[in-house]
Amino acid sequence: MKNANSGAYPAYKQQASSQACAVLRNMATLILHGPAWKTFACRGLAAFIVLAVMLPPAWASDSCSAKQAALEIFLNAQPNHCVQDAECDGYYLSVDACAPPVAMAKPGVIKAQEPQLLKLQDEVREACADSWNQRPACSPISFQAKCRENRCVNAAPAAKAEYPYAVIRHECAPWDGPAIGIHLTQSEAREHEVPAPSLNISVWRGLPPPTDKPIPLRTGGVGIATRCLSLEKCETATSATITFTSYDENSVSGSYELKFKNGDIERGSFHADWQDYHELCG
């Protein structure tokens, strides 16, 4: 398949580069009178413009994940102690209509922190507006706020997992450094090959990962997530967040949310045992 970024620049990029180069030629004539400088500057500026046109969507996606993570950390820090179920309730505070409510001790966010909540919610709306406008509408997710081990939790029955099997492996980062790979599948991964369809989440920075802290994978090149409908048909998530609730030498568990270009969202929880598999990194 031909790379969409190969070949000639699109017309709007060529036009922008040409206009910028014209400005630089005038500057060169006035300042340096040097044709070599003009050629170098135009090439450099053209490359910069192409990058400037291509990168903002990635920055926007990273910003959306980062703002959502900041809001989630704030919500998780709210009072959550309880003795009985009646002291708990669910609150739709994450802004994202596709996200479940947050279980908290009544009456929810304390009054003194409401301005901070509103500020974080506004930041999420602004950062995520473009990506959310491209996906299907979501209905509110039901909940059952219960008191478990003196903490308010959402005890609503989980939907049947679309990917009921999971393994975690020691793998390699793109630069051959250490990484971990979590593979969620519909059939058991008995061999080294991951059976399709599958969700694949790689983390290669900040290992071992922290627990109970959302990790936006694209921020700072932390990792990557893909969905493979077949072994030959895989796509990279436009944004992805993983949260580990436990991580030790025997197994890991947590939750994930992956978003794709066509508006699809894959979210759920996992429990993965370590598989006896080590990639040989350079």
Protein backbone atom coordinates (compact mmCIF):
# COMPACT_ATOMS: atom_id res chain seq x y z
CA MET A 1 0.00 0.00 0.00
CA LYS A 2 1.36 3.41 -0.96
CA ASN A 3 2.18 5.66 1.94
CA ALA A 4 -0.21 8.61 1.94
CA ASN A 5 2.64 10.88 2.99
CA SER A 6 4.97 9.86 0.17
CA GLY A 7 5.33 11.63 -3.18
CA ALA A 8 4.48 15.27 -3.84
CA TYR A 9 3.21 17.58 -1.13
CA PRO A 10 -0.53 18.35 -1.21
CA ALA A 11 -1.38 21.59 -2.97
CA TYR A 12 -2.15 23.56 0.19
CA LYS A 13 1.24 22.63 1.68
CA GLN A 14 3.06 23.57 -1.55
CA GLN A 15 1.28 26.92 -1.61
CA ALA A 16 2.15 27.69 2.01
CA SER A 17 5.78 26.71 1.46
CA SER A 18 6.05 28.81 -1.72
CA GLN A 19 4.66 31.88 -0.01
CA ALA A 20 7.01 31.48 2.92
CA CYS A 21 9.99 31.01 0.62
CA ALA A 22 9.12 34.20 -1.25
CA VAL A 23 9.30 36.10 2.02
CA LEU A 24 12.65 34.51 2.84
CA ARG A 25 14.06 35.37 -0.58
CA ASN A 26 13.28 39.03 0.03
CA MET A 27 14.89 38.84 3.47
CA ALA A 28 17.97 37.18 2.01
CA THR A 29 18.31 39.82 -0.67
CA LEU A 30 18.13 42.60 1.86
CA ILE A 31 20.34 41.03 4.50
CA LEU A 32 22.78 38.46 3.10
CA HIS A 33 22.57 38.70 -0.72
CA GLY A 34 23.42 35.01 -0.76
CA PRO A 35 21.58 32.48 -3.04
CA ALA A 36 22.88 29.52 -1.02
CA TRP A 37 21.28 30.89 2.15
CA LYS A 38 18.01 31.42 0.28
CA THR A 39 17.92 27.82 -0.96
CA PHE A 40 18.79 26.39 2.43
CA ALA A 41 16.27 28.58 4.23
CA CYS A 42 13.44 27.72 1.83
CA ARG A 43 14.07 24.01 2.14
CA GLY A 44 14.26 24.25 5.90
CA LEU A 45 11.13 26.36 6.17
CA ALA A 46 9.22 24.08 3.79
CA ALA A 47 10.03 21.11 5.99
CA PHE A 48 9.02 23.07 9.07
CA ILE A 49 5.68 24.05 7.53
CA VAL A 50 4.90 20.47 6.54
CA LEU A 51 5.65 19.34 10.09
CA ALA A 52 3.57 22.18 11.51
CA VAL A 53 0.63 21.09 9.36
CA MET A 54 1.00 17.41 10.18
CA LEU A 55 1.74 17.52 13.91
CA PRO A 56 -1.10 19.55 15.48
CA PRO A 57 -3.59 16.62 15.32
CA ALA A 58 -1.15 14.51 17.34
CA TRP A 59 -0.59 17.34 19.80
CA ALA A 60 -4.35 17.79 20.12
CA SER A 61 -4.83 14.07 20.78
CA ASP A 62 -2.07 14.04 23.38
CA SER A 63 -3.56 17.15 24.99
CA CYS A 64 -6.99 15.50 25.20
CA SER A 65 -5.57 12.41 26.93
CA ALA A 66 -3.44 14.51 29.28
CA LYS A 67 -6.37 16.75 30.29
CA GLN A 68 -8.59 13.72 30.86
CA ALA A 69 -5.88 12.13 33.00
CA ALA A 70 -5.55 15.31 35.07
CA LEU A 71 -9.30 15.38 35.69
CA GLU A 72 -9.34 11.68 36.61
CA ILE A 73 -6.52 12.17 39.12
CA PHE A 74 -8.49 15.05 40.68
CA LEU A 75 -11.66 12.95 40.93
CA ASN A 76 -9.80 9.98 42.40
CA ALA A 77 -8.43 12.26 45.13
CA GLN A 78 -11.90 13.22 46.38
CA PRO A 79 -13.23 11.80 49.69
CA ASN A 80 -14.25 8.19 49.13
CA HIS A 81 -14.49 6.66 52.60
CA CYS A 82 -17.70 4.87 53.53
CA VAL A 83 -19.22 2.46 56.03
CA GLN A 84 -22.44 1.53 54.21
CA ASP A 85 -23.85 1.65 50.68
CA ALA A 86 -26.16 4.58 51.45
CA GLU A 87 -23.11 6.82 51.86
CA CYS A 88 -22.08 6.33 48.22
CA ASP A 89 -23.37 7.63 44.90
CA GLY A 90 -22.30 7.91 41.26
CA TYR A 91 -21.44 11.26 39.67
CA TYR A 92 -21.11 11.99 35.94
CA LEU A 93 -18.19 14.38 36.28
CA SER A 94 -15.65 13.20 33.70
CA VAL A 95 -17.31 15.31 30.92
CA ASP A 96 -16.96 12.42 28.45
CA ALA A 97 -20.46 11.05 27.83
CA CYS A 98 -18.88 7.68 26.94
CA ALA A 99 -17.20 7.36 30.35
CA PRO A 100 -18.80 5.69 33.38
CA PRO A 101 -19.76 7.74 36.44
CA VAL A 102 -17.33 8.19 39.31
CA ALA A 103 -18.26 6.50 42.58
CA MET A 104 -17.76 8.87 45.53
CA ALA A 105 -18.86 9.39 49.08
CA LYS A 106 -21.87 11.71 49.25
CA PRO A 107 -22.23 14.57 48.48
CA GLY A 108 -19.47 14.25 45.88
CA VAL A 109 -16.85 16.91 45.22
CA ILE A 110 -16.44 19.15 48.24
CA LYS A 111 -17.64 22.74 47.83
CA ALA A 112 -14.21 24.32 48.19
CA GLN A 113 -12.87 22.32 45.22
CA GLU A 114 -15.74 22.97 42.81
CA PRO A 115 -13.89 25.85 41.04
CA GLN A 116 -10.97 23.51 40.36
CA LEU A 117 -13.37 20.86 39.06
CA LEU A 118 -15.02 23.32 36.68
CA LYS A 119 -11.63 24.50 35.43
CA LEU A 120 -10.45 20.94 34.72
CA GLN A 121 -13.73 20.06 33.02
CA ASP A 122 -13.50 23.13 30.76
CA GLU A 123 -9.93 22.17 29.82
CA VAL A 124 -11.05 18.66 28.87
CA ARG A 125 -13.93 20.00 26.74
CA GLU A 126 -11.59 22.38 24.91
CA ALA A 127 -8.85 19.80 24.35
CA CYS A 128 -11.17 16.96 23.30
CA ALA A 129 -13.84 18.81 21.30
CA ASP A 130 -12.43 17.98 17.85
CA SER A 131 -11.96 14.25 18.50
CA TRP A 132 -15.29 13.86 20.31
CA ASN A 133 -17.19 15.53 17.45
CA GLN A 134 -16.02 12.75 15.11
CA ARG A 135 -17.35 9.80 17.11
CA PRO A 136 -20.85 8.40 17.62
CA ALA A 137 -23.00 9.68 20.47
CA CYS A 138 -22.92 7.73 23.74
CA SER A 139 -25.68 6.97 26.23
CA PRO A 140 -24.98 7.43 29.96
CA ILE A 141 -23.50 4.31 31.52
CA SER A 142 -25.50 2.94 34.45
CA PHE A 143 -23.89 2.34 37.83
CA GLN A 144 -24.39 0.73 41.23
CA ALA A 145 -22.58 2.73 43.90
CA LYS A 146 -21.63 0.36 46.73
CA CYS A 147 -19.39 0.46 49.79
CA ARG A 148 -16.65 -2.15 49.53
CA GLU A 149 -13.81 -2.35 52.06
CA ASN A 150 -14.71 1.17 53.25
CA ARG A 151 -14.44 2.64 49.77
CA CYS A 152 -17.18 3.70 47.36
CA VAL A 153 -16.98 1.74 44.13
CA ASN A 154 -19.09 1.22 41.02
CA ALA A 155 -20.35 -2.34 41.46
CA ALA A 156 -22.45 -2.48 38.27
CA PRO A 157 -22.08 -5.86 36.54
CA ALA A 158 -19.40 -5.63 33.90
CA ALA A 159 -20.33 -6.36 30.32
CA LYS A 160 -18.98 -9.58 28.91
CA ALA A 161 -15.42 -8.98 27.81
CA GLU A 162 -14.99 -8.83 24.06
CA TYR A 163 -11.36 -9.84 24.59
CA PRO A 164 -11.51 -12.35 27.46
CA TYR A 165 -7.90 -13.57 27.20
CA ALA A 166 -4.82 -11.55 28.09
CA VAL A 167 -1.07 -12.09 28.40
CA ILE A 168 1.81 -9.77 29.22
CA ARG A 169 5.30 -10.19 27.78
CA HIS A 170 8.77 -8.67 28.00
CA GLU A 171 9.26 -7.03 24.62
CA CYS A 172 11.35 -4.30 22.95
CA ALA A 173 10.86 -0.58 22.42
CA PRO A 174 11.37 0.88 18.91
CA TRP A 175 14.98 1.72 19.86
CA ASP A 176 15.53 -1.82 21.25
CA GLY A 177 15.16 -0.80 24.88
CA PRO A 178 13.03 -2.82 27.32
CA ALA A 179 9.25 -2.68 27.02
CA ILE A 180 6.18 -4.58 28.11
CA GLY A 181 3.44 -5.76 25.77
CA ILE A 182 -0.11 -6.56 26.87
CA HIS A 183 -2.11 -8.56 24.34
CA LEU A 184 -5.88 -8.94 24.69
CA THR A 185 -7.38 -11.63 22.47
CA GLN A 186 -10.53 -13.64 21.79
CA SER A 187 -8.64 -16.93 21.91
CA GLU A 188 -5.70 -18.05 24.00
CA ALA A 189 -2.22 -16.94 22.94
CA ARG A 190 -0.48 -20.29 23.33
CA GLU A 191 2.44 -19.58 21.00
CA HIS A 192 4.62 -16.55 20.39
CA GLU A 193 2.24 -15.29 17.71
CA VAL A 194 -0.69 -13.24 18.99
CA PRO A 195 -3.98 -14.53 17.51
CA ALA A 196 -6.27 -12.02 15.83
CA PRO A 197 -8.47 -10.20 16.52
CA SER A 198 -6.50 -8.54 19.27
CA LEU A 199 -5.79 -5.34 21.17
CA ASN A 200 -2.10 -4.72 21.78
CA ILE A 201 -0.75 -2.20 24.26
CA SER A 202 2.98 -1.51 24.54
CA VAL A 203 4.61 0.60 27.26
CA TRP A 204 8.30 1.40 27.04
CA ARG A 205 8.90 4.34 29.37
CA GLY A 206 8.52 4.66 33.13
CA LEU A 207 8.86 0.94 33.82
CA PRO A 208 7.73 -0.56 36.04
CA PRO A 209 4.58 1.52 35.53
CA PRO A 210 2.85 3.25 38.45
CA THR A 211 -0.44 1.85 39.71
CA ASP A 212 -3.73 3.74 40.00
CA LYS A 213 -2.46 6.47 37.71
CA PRO A 214 -3.80 6.92 34.14
CA ILE A 215 -0.98 6.74 31.59
CA PRO A 216 -1.60 8.54 28.25
CA LEU A 217 0.52 6.44 25.90
CA ARG A 218 1.32 9.04 23.26
CA THR A 219 2.53 11.73 25.66
CA GLY A 220 6.32 11.87 25.39
CA GLY A 221 6.49 8.61 23.47
CA VAL A 222 5.43 6.48 26.44
CA GLY A 223 4.00 3.67 24.34
CA ILE A 224 1.52 2.71 21.65
CA ALA A 225 -1.74 0.80 21.22
CA THR A 226 -3.02 -1.06 18.16
CA ARG A 227 -6.04 -3.09 17.13
CA CYS A 228 -5.59 -6.02 14.76
CA LEU A 229 -8.78 -7.33 13.16
CA SER A 230 -6.57 -9.84 11.32
CA LEU A 231 -2.84 -10.55 11.27
CA GLU A 232 -2.51 -8.36 8.16
CA LYS A 233 -4.90 -5.59 9.17
CA CYS A 234 -3.77 -3.52 12.17
CA GLU A 235 -4.41 0.12 13.02
CA THR A 236 -2.86 2.40 15.61
CA ALA A 237 -5.08 4.12 18.16
CA THR A 238 -5.24 7.90 17.76
CA SER A 239 -5.15 8.16 21.56
CA ALA A 240 -4.91 5.60 24.32
CA THR A 241 -4.85 5.49 28.10
CA ILE A 242 -3.98 2.57 30.34
CA THR A 243 -4.29 2.39 34.12
CA PHE A 244 -2.62 -0.39 36.12
CA THR A 245 -4.37 -1.39 39.33
CA SER A 246 -1.79 -4.07 40.17
CA TYR A 247 1.63 -4.99 38.80
CA ASP A 248 3.94 -7.72 40.11
CA GLU A 249 6.11 -10.61 38.91
CA ASN A 250 3.14 -12.95 38.54
CA SER A 251 0.46 -10.88 36.83
CA VAL A 252 -0.89 -7.40 36.13
CA SER A 253 -4.38 -5.95 36.02
CA GLY A 254 -5.92 -2.67 35.02
CA SER A 255 -8.16 -0.89 32.54
CA TYR A 256 -7.75 0.74 29.13
CA GLU A 257 -9.43 3.06 26.67
CA LEU A 258 -8.35 3.15 23.03
CA LYS A 259 -9.77 5.55 20.45
CA PHE A 260 -9.49 5.08 16.70
CA LYS A 261 -9.72 7.31 13.65
CA ASN A 262 -13.16 6.05 12.59
CA GLY A 263 -14.64 6.95 16.00
CA ASP A 264 -14.48 3.45 17.48
CA ILE A 265 -13.67 3.22 21.18
CA GLU A 266 -12.32 0.08 22.82
CA ARG A 267 -12.46 0.17 26.60
CA GLY A 268 -12.45 -2.43 29.31
CA SER A 269 -10.43 -4.09 32.05
CA PHE A 270 -7.86 -6.87 31.96
CA HIS A 271 -5.97 -9.35 34.10
CA ALA A 272 -2.89 -10.72 32.37
CA ASP A 273 -0.40 -13.36 33.49
CA TRP A 274 3.24 -13.06 32.50
CA GLN A 275 4.04 -15.30 29.54
CA ASP A 276 7.42 -17.04 29.33
CA TYR A 277 8.51 -14.96 26.38
CA HIS A 278 11.41 -12.50 26.09
CA GLU A 279 12.31 -10.62 22.94
CA LEU A 280 16.03 -10.16 22.37
CA CYS A 281 16.58 -6.41 22.41
CA GLY A 282 19.72 -4.80 21.07
